[in-house]
Amino acid sequence: MRNRDLFVRMAQWGKSVLTLNRDREYAALKRMLYVKPTDVVLDIGCGDGFWTSRMAQHCAHIIGLEPNPKTLDYARRFHALPNTTYVCGI
């Protein structure tokens, strides 16, 4: 097996494990929050927007607030949904 093939397989395995962990974390978060389809949610410290976009599936609108412009740019590019707004601020 070539090094590149090994790297690709390891990256896929790592992504699979991380996704599984994030799914478990999200399930726990969803149980703790009582978000209704009519709610407007503020996600303070939204980071890369992963959780913001997941929560957007369960509320009317969600605003992701993040102080890091580079991280916020990633959220806007990869986790933008019609009911999400990402704002840079402290």
Protein backbone atom coordinates (compact mmCIF):
# COMPACT_ATOMS: atom_id res chain seq x y z
CA MET A 1 0.00 0.00 0.00
CA ARG A 2 1.33 3.40 -0.94
CA ASN A 3 1.70 6.14 1.66
CA ARG A 4 -0.99 8.25 0.01
CA ASP A 5 -3.49 5.38 0.09
CA LEU A 6 -2.75 4.81 3.74
CA PHE A 7 -3.17 8.51 4.48
CA VAL A 8 -6.53 8.60 2.66
CA ARG A 9 -7.78 5.55 4.56
CA MET A 10 -6.68 7.02 7.89
CA ALA A 11 -8.34 10.35 7.06
CA GLN A 12 -11.60 8.58 6.16
CA TRP A 13 -11.50 6.56 9.38
CA GLY A 14 -10.78 9.69 11.42
CA LYS A 15 -13.65 11.57 9.79
CA SER A 16 -15.98 8.67 10.49
CA VAL A 17 -15.03 8.58 14.19
CA LEU A 18 -15.29 12.36 14.55
CA THR A 19 -18.69 12.39 12.87
CA LEU A 20 -19.91 9.66 15.19
CA ASN A 21 -18.75 11.66 18.21
CA ARG A 22 -20.36 14.84 16.87
CA ASP A 23 -23.62 12.98 16.28
CA ARG A 24 -23.60 11.78 19.89
CA GLU A 25 -22.79 15.27 21.17
CA TYR A 26 -25.57 16.76 19.05
CA ALA A 27 -28.11 14.23 20.34
CA ALA A 28 -27.20 15.19 23.92
CA LEU A 29 -27.35 18.90 23.11
CA LYS A 30 -30.73 18.54 21.44
CA ARG A 31 -32.09 16.70 24.50
CA MET A 32 -30.93 19.54 26.80
CA LEU A 33 -32.39 22.35 24.70
CA TYR A 34 -36.08 22.82 24.11
CA VAL A 35 -35.92 24.40 20.68
CA LYS A 36 -39.25 24.76 18.92
CA PRO A 37 -39.79 25.25 15.17
CA THR A 38 -40.88 28.86 15.84
CA ASP A 39 -37.81 29.83 17.93
CA VAL A 40 -35.04 32.24 16.97
CA VAL A 41 -31.75 30.98 18.43
CA LEU A 42 -28.46 32.76 19.15
CA ASP A 43 -25.39 30.53 18.94
CA ILE A 44 -22.64 32.42 20.78
CA GLY A 45 -19.20 31.24 19.69
CA CYS A 46 -20.55 29.37 16.68
CA GLY A 47 -17.08 28.43 15.42
CA ASP A 48 -17.15 26.71 12.05
CA GLY A 49 -20.96 26.66 11.96
CA PHE A 50 -21.35 22.90 12.31
CA TRP A 51 -23.65 23.04 15.34
CA THR A 52 -25.39 26.13 14.00
CA SER A 53 -26.41 24.39 10.80
CA ARG A 54 -27.53 21.29 12.70
CA MET A 55 -29.70 23.37 15.04
CA ALA A 56 -31.09 25.33 12.07
CA GLN A 57 -33.03 22.21 11.13
CA HIS A 58 -35.13 22.59 14.29
CA CYS A 59 -35.83 26.33 14.58
CA ALA A 60 -37.21 29.24 12.55
CA HIS A 61 -33.91 31.14 12.42
CA ILE A 62 -30.49 30.89 14.04
CA ILE A 63 -27.78 33.53 14.36
CA GLY A 64 -24.20 32.37 14.75
CA LEU A 65 -21.95 34.86 16.56
CA GLU A 66 -18.21 34.30 16.20
CA PRO A 67 -15.22 36.62 16.96
CA ASN A 68 -12.78 34.91 14.57
CA PRO A 69 -13.29 36.22 10.99
CA LYS A 70 -11.48 33.27 9.37
CA THR A 71 -13.57 30.71 11.21
CA LEU A 72 -16.70 32.68 10.44
CA ASP A 73 -15.80 32.73 6.74
CA TYR A 74 -15.64 28.93 6.83
CA ALA A 75 -19.08 28.80 8.50
CA ARG A 76 -20.54 31.09 5.84
CA ARG A 77 -19.06 29.05 3.00
CA PHE A 78 -19.81 25.55 4.24
CA HIS A 79 -22.70 25.78 6.70
CA ALA A 80 -24.95 28.50 5.33
CA LEU A 81 -28.64 27.67 5.20
CA PRO A 82 -31.60 29.92 4.33
CA ASN A 83 -32.48 30.34 8.01
CA THR A 84 -28.93 31.03 9.26
CA THR A 85 -27.13 34.33 9.71
CA TYR A 86 -23.47 34.52 10.71
CA VAL A 87 -22.20 37.64 12.46
CA CYS A 88 -18.65 38.58 13.44
CA GLY A 89 -18.40 40.08 16.89
CA ILE A 90 -17.26 39.71 20.47
